[in-house]
Amino acid sequence: MIILFGSYARNDYVVYDEKFEFGKIQFYVSDYDILVITSGISDGIAGKVLDNIEVEYYNKANDPDRQPPVQFITIDMKKLNKELNEGRYFFTQIKQEGVILYDSGKHKLARRRKLNFEEIKQQAEEYFEEKYNYANDFFETAKFNYEREKYRLASFHLHQACENYFYAIRLVFTQQNSKQHNLTKLLNSVKKYSTDFVKVFPQDTPEEKRLFELIKAAYVNGRYDPDFVVTKEDIDALVPKVELLRDITKHICEKKIEEYEEKE
């Protein structure tokens, strides 16, 4: 099977958008996200075939800058159905939102079955370990940047740390997640799990609001905008907030995993 997913499947894609930023024209087009499901073919062979298709695709482009990038993911049918059967969020979401472009008719996609609490606990532990440790790595990288007085880059890595702490919470509590970089939306999606979240990024004063807007903007501006100003004092103020988010994440996720264990 070949399944289109992502923005083109959801019909919220961007054909072409441009604006003048950072001293030059910046453009954006949505990717084609395509899942190629194989059977009895090695990943290596499938990858080589798709590499050739990708080269041919770009060679035939009239305007490479406006050509939507193509992102292929390959997976064997047996493995995919195991992932679907276990309710793994990434492939479950593709099945839910995807558009089938080709179907040999020889296979069927598995249905997501209701998981028992032992399985939920196992998934929650895996997701927590992955995203929480990933967030911690970003946090340590931010500190590394800070020590070298690269405050703008440090702000980006602080953003990424926050993003992945939020991902960890969403996955532990729901076994589902969607790509999201807006910290306001991420915070709103998890604040029901703990009253302590109000302490992380309070909006009580103009300075608190400024700091939150700064770390939100850092996802793009922290990497690409040479005029994006981040000071040592900004990072000094943001680090304790991210540390608090880290500690809340660890506490509520471990507590939730314990609840799953008690229900086994």
C-alpha atoms as a PDB file:
ATOM      1  CA  MET A   1       0.000   0.000   0.000  1.00  0.00           C
ATOM      2  CA  ILE A   2       0.965   3.624  -0.441  1.00  0.00           C
ATOM      3  CA  ILE A   3      -0.632   6.100   1.964  1.00  0.00           C
ATOM      4  CA  LEU A   4      -0.483   9.874   1.865  1.00  0.00           C
ATOM      5  CA  PHE A   5      -0.585  11.431   5.335  1.00  0.00           C
ATOM      6  CA  GLY A   6       0.159  14.755   6.999  1.00  0.00           C
ATOM      7  CA  SER A   7      -1.007  18.147   5.761  1.00  0.00           C
ATOM      8  CA  TYR A   8      -1.941  16.997   2.243  1.00  0.00           C
ATOM      9  CA  ALA A   9      -4.128  14.227   3.662  1.00  0.00           C
ATOM     10  CA  ARG A  10      -5.746  16.641   6.131  1.00  0.00           C
ATOM     11  CA  ASN A  11      -6.234  19.246   3.382  1.00  0.00           C
ATOM     12  CA  ASP A  12      -4.468  21.971   5.367  1.00  0.00           C
ATOM     13  CA  TYR A  13      -1.339  22.089   3.213  1.00  0.00           C
ATOM     14  CA  VAL A  14       0.484  25.198   1.987  1.00  0.00           C
ATOM     15  CA  VAL A  15       1.131  25.260  -1.776  1.00  0.00           C
ATOM     16  CA  TYR A  16       3.513  28.212  -1.566  1.00  0.00           C
ATOM     17  CA  ASP A  17       3.992  31.012   0.913  1.00  0.00           C
ATOM     18  CA  GLU A  18       6.681  33.632   1.132  1.00  0.00           C
ATOM     19  CA  LYS A  19       7.500  36.628   3.267  1.00  0.00           C
ATOM     20  CA  PHE A  20      10.419  38.961   3.818  1.00  0.00           C
ATOM     21  CA  GLU A  21      12.227  37.970   7.014  1.00  0.00           C
ATOM     22  CA  PHE A  22      15.767  38.206   8.322  1.00  0.00           C
ATOM     23  CA  GLY A  23      16.829  40.373   5.388  1.00  0.00           C
ATOM     24  CA  LYS A  24      15.671  38.091   2.576  1.00  0.00           C
ATOM     25  CA  ILE A  25      12.681  36.310   1.098  1.00  0.00           C
ATOM     26  CA  GLN A  26      11.729  33.189   3.059  1.00  0.00           C
ATOM     27  CA  PHE A  27       9.446  30.653   1.397  1.00  0.00           C
ATOM     28  CA  TYR A  28       7.538  27.626   2.628  1.00  0.00           C
ATOM     29  CA  VAL A  29       5.753  24.732   0.935  1.00  0.00           C
ATOM     30  CA  SER A  30       4.210  21.714   2.648  1.00  0.00           C
ATOM     31  CA  ASP A  31       5.864  18.307   2.289  1.00  0.00           C
ATOM     32  CA  TYR A  32       4.315  15.256   0.710  1.00  0.00           C
ATOM     33  CA  ASP A  33       4.412  12.704   3.554  1.00  0.00           C
ATOM     34  CA  ILE A  34       4.086   9.213   2.108  1.00  0.00           C
ATOM     35  CA  LEU A  35       4.048   5.847   3.869  1.00  0.00           C
ATOM     36  CA  VAL A  36       5.116   2.973   1.617  1.00  0.00           C
ATOM     37  CA  ILE A  37       4.068  -0.404   2.993  1.00  0.00           C
ATOM     38  CA  THR A  38       5.992  -3.402   1.686  1.00  0.00           C
ATOM     39  CA  SER A  39       5.800  -7.167   2.047  1.00  0.00           C
ATOM     40  CA  GLY A  40       8.752  -9.493   1.664  1.00  0.00           C
ATOM     41  CA  ILE A  41      11.142  -6.737   0.566  1.00  0.00           C
ATOM     42  CA  SER A  42      14.117  -5.633   2.630  1.00  0.00           C
ATOM     43  CA  ASP A  43      14.301  -2.072   3.904  1.00  0.00           C
ATOM     44  CA  GLY A  44      17.519  -1.623   1.941  1.00  0.00           C
ATOM     45  CA  ILE A  45      15.956  -2.537  -1.401  1.00  0.00           C
ATOM     46  CA  ALA A  46      12.854  -0.443  -0.707  1.00  0.00           C
ATOM     47  CA  GLY A  47      15.039   2.502   0.283  1.00  0.00           C
ATOM     48  CA  LYS A  48      17.081   2.336  -2.940  1.00  0.00           C
ATOM     49  CA  VAL A  49      13.943   2.217  -5.088  1.00  0.00           C
ATOM     50  CA  LEU A  50      12.448   5.209  -3.292  1.00  0.00           C
ATOM     51  CA  ASP A  51      15.742   7.120  -3.539  1.00  0.00           C
ATOM     52  CA  ASN A  52      15.621   6.676  -7.314  1.00  0.00           C
ATOM     53  CA  ILE A  53      11.987   7.813  -7.408  1.00  0.00           C
ATOM     54  CA  GLU A  54      12.877  10.890  -5.360  1.00  0.00           C
ATOM     55  CA  VAL A  55      15.730  11.819  -7.720  1.00  0.00           C
ATOM     56  CA  GLU A  56      13.419  11.437 -10.719  1.00  0.00           C
ATOM     57  CA  TYR A  57      10.767  13.523  -8.975  1.00  0.00           C
ATOM     58  CA  TYR A  58      13.104  16.470  -8.432  1.00  0.00           C
ATOM     59  CA  ASN A  59      14.699  16.150 -11.882  1.00  0.00           C
ATOM     60  CA  LYS A  60      11.317  16.693 -13.481  1.00  0.00           C
ATOM     61  CA  ALA A  61      10.473  19.736 -11.346  1.00  0.00           C
ATOM     62  CA  ASN A  62       9.976  22.954 -13.333  1.00  0.00           C
ATOM     63  CA  ASP A  63      10.665  25.117 -10.273  1.00  0.00           C
ATOM     64  CA  PRO A  64      12.594  23.275  -7.511  1.00  0.00           C
ATOM     65  CA  ASP A  65      11.964  26.082  -5.005  1.00  0.00           C
ATOM     66  CA  ARG A  66       8.206  25.663  -5.351  1.00  0.00           C
ATOM     67  CA  GLN A  67       8.256  21.873  -5.616  1.00  0.00           C
ATOM     68  CA  PRO A  68       6.783  20.245  -2.496  1.00  0.00           C
ATOM     69  CA  PRO A  69       9.486  18.141  -0.799  1.00  0.00           C
ATOM     70  CA  VAL A  70       8.666  14.451  -0.608  1.00  0.00           C
ATOM     71  CA  GLN A  71       9.263  12.454   2.574  1.00  0.00           C
ATOM     72  CA  PHE A  72       9.046   8.663   2.273  1.00  0.00           C
ATOM     73  CA  ILE A  73       8.670   6.281   5.205  1.00  0.00           C
ATOM     74  CA  THR A  74       8.822   2.541   4.553  1.00  0.00           C
ATOM     75  CA  ILE A  75       7.603  -0.268   6.775  1.00  0.00           C
ATOM     76  CA  ASP A  76       6.831  -3.955   6.336  1.00  0.00           C
ATOM     77  CA  MET A  77       3.139  -4.873   6.532  1.00  0.00           C
ATOM     78  CA  LYS A  78       3.628  -7.328   9.406  1.00  0.00           C
ATOM     79  CA  LYS A  79       5.460  -4.755  11.473  1.00  0.00           C
ATOM     80  CA  LEU A  80       2.915  -2.061  10.656  1.00  0.00           C
ATOM     81  CA  ASN A  81      -0.011  -4.248  11.688  1.00  0.00           C
ATOM     82  CA  LYS A  82       1.758  -5.071  14.940  1.00  0.00           C
ATOM     83  CA  GLU A  83       2.162  -1.336  15.584  1.00  0.00           C
ATOM     84  CA  LEU A  84      -1.497  -0.699  14.731  1.00  0.00           C
ATOM     85  CA  ASN A  85      -2.692  -3.607  16.837  1.00  0.00           C
ATOM     86  CA  GLU A  86      -0.788  -2.193  19.799  1.00  0.00           C
ATOM     87  CA  GLY A  87      -2.259   1.256  19.211  1.00  0.00           C
ATOM     88  CA  ARG A  88       1.078   2.965  18.572  1.00  0.00           C
ATOM     89  CA  TYR A  89       0.195   6.621  18.142  1.00  0.00           C
ATOM     90  CA  PHE A  90       2.235   7.498  15.044  1.00  0.00           C
ATOM     91  CA  PHE A  91       0.896   4.779  12.752  1.00  0.00           C
ATOM     92  CA  THR A  92      -2.581   4.899  14.272  1.00  0.00           C
ATOM     93  CA  GLN A  93      -2.738   8.579  13.351  1.00  0.00           C
ATOM     94  CA  ILE A  94      -1.598   7.815   9.793  1.00  0.00           C
ATOM     95  CA  LYS A  95      -4.339   5.213   9.447  1.00  0.00           C
ATOM     96  CA  GLN A  96      -6.946   7.632  10.784  1.00  0.00           C
ATOM     97  CA  GLU A  97      -6.037  10.636   8.635  1.00  0.00           C
ATOM     98  CA  GLY A  98      -4.307   9.029   5.670  1.00  0.00           C
ATOM     99  CA  VAL A  99      -5.438   8.751   2.069  1.00  0.00           C
ATOM    100  CA  ILE A 100      -4.689   5.440   0.334  1.00  0.00           C
ATOM    101  CA  LEU A 101      -3.044   6.155  -3.012  1.00  0.00           C
ATOM    102  CA  TYR A 102      -2.433   2.526  -3.953  1.00  0.00           C
ATOM    103  CA  ASP A 103      -3.677  -0.775  -2.577  1.00  0.00           C
ATOM    104  CA  SER A 104      -2.651  -4.157  -3.973  1.00  0.00           C
ATOM    105  CA  GLY A 105      -5.707  -5.659  -2.311  1.00  0.00           C
ATOM    106  CA  LYS A 106      -3.624  -8.489  -0.853  1.00  0.00           C
ATOM    107  CA  HIS A 107      -3.451  -7.171   2.718  1.00  0.00           C
ATOM    108  CA  LYS A 108      -5.593  -5.379   5.257  1.00  0.00           C
ATOM    109  CA  LEU A 109      -4.593  -2.881   7.907  1.00  0.00           C
ATOM    110  CA  ALA A 110      -5.103  -4.144  11.445  1.00  0.00           C
ATOM    111  CA  ARG A 111      -7.592  -2.528  13.762  1.00  0.00           C
ATOM    112  CA  ARG A 112      -6.504  -0.937  16.977  1.00  0.00           C
ATOM    113  CA  ARG A 113      -7.644  -3.191  19.774  1.00  0.00           C
ATOM    114  CA  LYS A 114      -8.335  -2.146  23.324  1.00  0.00           C
ATOM    115  CA  LEU A 115      -5.140  -2.455  25.310  1.00  0.00           C
ATOM    116  CA  ASN A 116      -4.974  -3.908  28.791  1.00  0.00           C
ATOM    117  CA  PHE A 117      -3.289  -1.886  31.536  1.00  0.00           C
ATOM    118  CA  GLU A 118      -0.108  -3.947  31.372  1.00  0.00           C
ATOM    119  CA  GLU A 119       0.294  -2.963  27.718  1.00  0.00           C
ATOM    120  CA  ILE A 120      -0.644   0.654  28.419  1.00  0.00           C
ATOM    121  CA  LYS A 121       1.930   0.768  31.189  1.00  0.00           C
ATOM    122  CA  GLN A 122       4.599  -0.692  28.907  1.00  0.00           C
ATOM    123  CA  GLN A 123       3.907   1.868  26.189  1.00  0.00           C
ATOM    124  CA  ALA A 124       3.774   4.714  28.693  1.00  0.00           C
ATOM    125  CA  GLU A 125       7.158   3.715  30.094  1.00  0.00           C
ATOM    126  CA  GLU A 126       8.674   3.541  26.609  1.00  0.00           C
ATOM    127  CA  TYR A 127       7.260   6.904  25.572  1.00  0.00           C
ATOM    128  CA  PHE A 128       8.331   8.533  28.818  1.00  0.00           C
ATOM    129  CA  GLU A 129      11.883   7.240  28.582  1.00  0.00           C
ATOM    130  CA  GLU A 130      12.201   8.387  24.975  1.00  0.00           C
ATOM    131  CA  LYS A 131      10.697  11.882  25.198  1.00  0.00           C
ATOM    132  CA  TYR A 132      11.831  12.730  28.737  1.00  0.00           C
ATOM    133  CA  ASN A 133      15.434  11.785  27.998  1.00  0.00           C
ATOM    134  CA  TYR A 134      15.243  13.604  24.669  1.00  0.00           C
ATOM    135  CA  ALA A 135      14.070  16.724  26.513  1.00  0.00           C
ATOM    136  CA  ASN A 136      16.880  16.388  29.038  1.00  0.00           C
ATOM    137  CA  ASP A 137      19.401  16.210  26.205  1.00  0.00           C
ATOM    138  CA  PHE A 138      18.052  19.455  24.758  1.00  0.00           C
ATOM    139  CA  PHE A 139      18.226  21.024  28.217  1.00  0.00           C
ATOM    140  CA  GLU A 140      21.868  20.038  28.611  1.00  0.00           C
ATOM    141  CA  THR A 141      22.637  21.396  25.148  1.00  0.00           C
ATOM    142  CA  ALA A 142      21.020  24.698  26.122  1.00  0.00           C
ATOM    143  CA  LYS A 143      23.329  24.884  29.138  1.00  0.00           C
ATOM    144  CA  PHE A 144      26.292  24.101  26.880  1.00  0.00           C
ATOM    145  CA  ASN A 145      25.290  26.993  24.604  1.00  0.00           C
ATOM    146  CA  TYR A 146      24.847  29.242  27.645  1.00  0.00           C
ATOM    147  CA  GLU A 147      28.366  28.532  28.883  1.00  0.00           C
ATOM    148  CA  ARG A 148      29.676  29.633  25.498  1.00  0.00           C
ATOM    149  CA  GLU A 149      27.528  32.771  25.548  1.00  0.00           C
ATOM    150  CA  LYS A 150      25.410  31.561  22.613  1.00  0.00           C
ATOM    151  CA  TYR A 151      22.202  32.750  24.220  1.00  0.00           C
ATOM    152  CA  ARG A 152      20.063  32.820  21.083  1.00  0.00           C
ATOM    153  CA  LEU A 153      20.835  29.178  20.335  1.00  0.00           C
ATOM    154  CA  ALA A 154      20.338  28.325  24.003  1.00  0.00           C
ATOM    155  CA  SER A 155      16.800  29.718  23.782  1.00  0.00           C
ATOM    156  CA  PHE A 156      16.013  27.374  20.880  1.00  0.00           C
ATOM    157  CA  HIS A 157      17.204  24.340  22.815  1.00  0.00           C
ATOM    158  CA  LEU A 158      15.202  25.422  25.856  1.00  0.00           C
ATOM    159  CA  HIS A 159      12.146  25.538  23.598  1.00  0.00           C
ATOM    160  CA  GLN A 160      12.888  22.020  22.370  1.00  0.00           C
ATOM    161  CA  ALA A 161      13.300  20.790  25.927  1.00  0.00           C
ATOM    162  CA  CYS A 162       9.871  22.182  26.838  1.00  0.00           C
ATOM    163  CA  GLU A 163       8.298  20.743  23.700  1.00  0.00           C
ATOM    164  CA  ASN A 164       9.534  17.247  24.501  1.00  0.00           C
ATOM    165  CA  TYR A 165       8.543  17.415  28.174  1.00  0.00           C
ATOM    166  CA  PHE A 166       5.023  18.215  26.973  1.00  0.00           C
ATOM    167  CA  TYR A 167       5.197  15.364  24.459  1.00  0.00           C
ATOM    168  CA  ALA A 168       6.179  12.977  27.251  1.00  0.00           C
ATOM    169  CA  ILE A 169       3.149  13.983  29.306  1.00  0.00           C
ATOM    170  CA  ARG A 170       0.710  13.682  26.407  1.00  0.00           C
ATOM    171  CA  LEU A 171       1.995  10.242  25.482  1.00  0.00           C
ATOM    172  CA  VAL A 172       2.033   8.875  29.026  1.00  0.00           C
ATOM    173  CA  PHE A 173      -1.504  10.071  29.737  1.00  0.00           C
ATOM    174  CA  THR A 174      -3.132   9.376  26.352  1.00  0.00           C
ATOM    175  CA  GLN A 175      -0.709   7.262  24.241  1.00  0.00           C
ATOM    176  CA  GLN A 176      -1.362   9.836  21.518  1.00  0.00           C
ATOM    177  CA  ASN A 177       0.494  12.860  20.280  1.00  0.00           C
ATOM    178  CA  SER A 178       0.573  15.192  17.300  1.00  0.00           C
ATOM    179  CA  LYS A 179       3.396  17.385  16.070  1.00  0.00           C
ATOM    180  CA  GLN A 180       3.071  20.775  17.706  1.00  0.00           C
ATOM    181  CA  HIS A 181       5.629  23.515  18.329  1.00  0.00           C
ATOM    182  CA  ASN A 182       3.398  26.187  19.850  1.00  0.00           C
ATOM    183  CA  LEU A 183       4.117  26.130  23.570  1.00  0.00           C
ATOM    184  CA  THR A 184       0.810  27.813  24.408  1.00  0.00           C
ATOM    185  CA  LYS A 185      -1.133  24.980  22.777  1.00  0.00           C
ATOM    186  CA  LEU A 186       1.113  22.345  24.313  1.00  0.00           C
ATOM    187  CA  LEU A 187       0.774  23.843  27.777  1.00  0.00           C
ATOM    188  CA  ASN A 188      -3.005  24.077  27.449  1.00  0.00           C
ATOM    189  CA  SER A 189      -3.178  20.428  26.390  1.00  0.00           C
ATOM    190  CA  VAL A 190      -1.522  19.156  29.589  1.00  0.00           C
ATOM    191  CA  LYS A 191      -2.447  21.639  32.314  1.00  0.00           C
ATOM    192  CA  LYS A 192      -5.449  19.513  33.338  1.00  0.00           C
ATOM    193  CA  TYR A 193      -3.024  16.897  34.638  1.00  0.00           C
ATOM    194  CA  SER A 194      -1.502  19.108  37.344  1.00  0.00           C
ATOM    195  CA  THR A 195      -2.279  22.415  39.018  1.00  0.00           C
ATOM    196  CA  ASP A 196       1.477  23.046  39.263  1.00  0.00           C
ATOM    197  CA  PHE A 197       1.686  24.047  35.598  1.00  0.00           C
ATOM    198  CA  VAL A 198       0.508  27.556  36.468  1.00  0.00           C
ATOM    199  CA  LYS A 199       3.846  28.038  38.211  1.00  0.00           C
ATOM    200  CA  VAL A 200       5.947  27.243  35.150  1.00  0.00           C
ATOM    201  CA  PHE A 201       5.080  30.127  32.844  1.00  0.00           C
ATOM    202  CA  PRO A 202       2.866  32.526  34.811  1.00  0.00           C
ATOM    203  CA  GLN A 203       1.440  35.469  32.894  1.00  0.00           C
ATOM    204  CA  ASP A 204       0.977  37.814  35.856  1.00  0.00           C
ATOM    205  CA  THR A 205       3.424  40.533  34.830  1.00  0.00           C
ATOM    206  CA  PRO A 206       4.643  42.079  31.561  1.00  0.00           C
ATOM    207  CA  GLU A 207       8.078  40.558  32.190  1.00  0.00           C
ATOM    208  CA  GLU A 208       6.654  37.046  32.633  1.00  0.00           C
ATOM    209  CA  LYS A 209       4.655  37.447  29.429  1.00  0.00           C
ATOM    210  CA  ARG A 210       7.754  38.679  27.603  1.00  0.00           C
ATOM    211  CA  LEU A 211       9.797  35.667  28.720  1.00  0.00           C
ATOM    212  CA  PHE A 212       7.118  33.242  27.585  1.00  0.00           C
ATOM    213  CA  GLU A 213       6.808  34.961  24.221  1.00  0.00           C
ATOM    214  CA  LEU A 214      10.587  34.842  23.886  1.00  0.00           C
ATOM    215  CA  ILE A 215      10.864  31.082  24.425  1.00  0.00           C
ATOM    216  CA  LYS A 216       7.886  30.536  22.103  1.00  0.00           C
ATOM    217  CA  ALA A 217       9.527  32.572  19.352  1.00  0.00           C
ATOM    218  CA  ALA A 218      12.845  30.803  19.875  1.00  0.00           C
ATOM    219  CA  TYR A 219      11.692  27.764  17.873  1.00  0.00           C
ATOM    220  CA  VAL A 220      12.168  29.754  14.650  1.00  0.00           C
ATOM    221  CA  ASN A 221      13.972  32.951  15.604  1.00  0.00           C
ATOM    222  CA  GLY A 222      16.493  31.232  17.859  1.00  0.00           C
ATOM    223  CA  ARG A 223      17.890  29.484  14.806  1.00  0.00           C
ATOM    224  CA  TYR A 224      17.338  31.828  11.892  1.00  0.00           C
ATOM    225  CA  ASP A 225      17.025  35.443  12.994  1.00  0.00           C
ATOM    226  CA  PRO A 226      20.382  37.160  13.576  1.00  0.00           C
ATOM    227  CA  ASP A 227      18.497  40.124  15.073  1.00  0.00           C
ATOM    228  CA  PHE A 228      16.649  38.014  17.659  1.00  0.00           C
ATOM    229  CA  VAL A 229      17.947  39.345  20.963  1.00  0.00           C
ATOM    230  CA  VAL A 230      18.376  36.927  23.861  1.00  0.00           C
ATOM    231  CA  THR A 231      20.440  38.004  26.838  1.00  0.00           C
ATOM    232  CA  LYS A 232      22.243  36.129  29.581  1.00  0.00           C
ATOM    233  CA  GLU A 233      19.595  37.437  31.987  1.00  0.00           C
ATOM    234  CA  ASP A 234      16.830  35.966  29.801  1.00  0.00           C
ATOM    235  CA  ILE A 235      18.378  32.507  29.935  1.00  0.00           C
ATOM    236  CA  ASP A 236      19.015  32.885  33.681  1.00  0.00           C
ATOM    237  CA  ALA A 237      15.298  33.557  34.127  1.00  0.00           C
ATOM    238  CA  LEU A 238      14.116  30.783  31.798  1.00  0.00           C
ATOM    239  CA  VAL A 239      16.284  27.930  33.078  1.00  0.00           C
ATOM    240  CA  PRO A 240      14.508  27.633  36.476  1.00  0.00           C
ATOM    241  CA  LYS A 241      11.166  27.526  34.633  1.00  0.00           C
ATOM    242  CA  VAL A 242      12.309  24.676  32.422  1.00  0.00           C
ATOM    243  CA  GLU A 243      13.737  22.898  35.467  1.00  0.00           C
ATOM    244  CA  LEU A 244      10.335  23.176  37.141  1.00  0.00           C
ATOM    245  CA  LEU A 245       8.626  21.807  34.024  1.00  0.00           C
ATOM    246  CA  ARG A 246      11.119  18.935  34.006  1.00  0.00           C
ATOM    247  CA  ASP A 247      10.388  18.086  37.640  1.00  0.00           C
ATOM    248  CA  ILE A 248       6.601  18.290  37.190  1.00  0.00           C
ATOM    249  CA  THR A 249       6.843  16.082  34.110  1.00  0.00           C
ATOM    250  CA  LYS A 250       8.841  13.432  35.955  1.00  0.00           C
ATOM    251  CA  HIS A 251       6.528  13.471  38.957  1.00  0.00           C
ATOM    252  CA  ILE A 252       3.174  13.247  37.199  1.00  0.00           C
ATOM    253  CA  CYS A 253       4.336  10.770  34.551  1.00  0.00           C
ATOM    254  CA  GLU A 254       5.836   8.379  37.084  1.00  0.00           C
ATOM    255  CA  LYS A 255       2.701   8.664  39.196  1.00  0.00           C
ATOM    256  CA  LYS A 256       0.504   7.893  36.172  1.00  0.00           C
ATOM    257  CA  ILE A 257       2.623   4.868  35.269  1.00  0.00           C
ATOM    258  CA  GLU A 258       2.224   3.620  38.855  1.00  0.00           C
ATOM    259  CA  GLU A 259      -1.549   3.947  38.460  1.00  0.00           C
ATOM    260  CA  TYR A 260      -1.425   1.772  35.344  1.00  0.00           C
ATOM    261  CA  GLU A 261       0.583  -0.811  37.275  1.00  0.00           C
ATOM    262  CA  GLU A 262      -1.972  -0.896  40.087  1.00  0.00           C
ATOM    263  CA  LYS A 263      -4.740  -1.626  37.564  1.00  0.00           C
ATOM    264  CA  GLU A 264      -2.964  -4.542  35.922  1.00  0.00           C
END
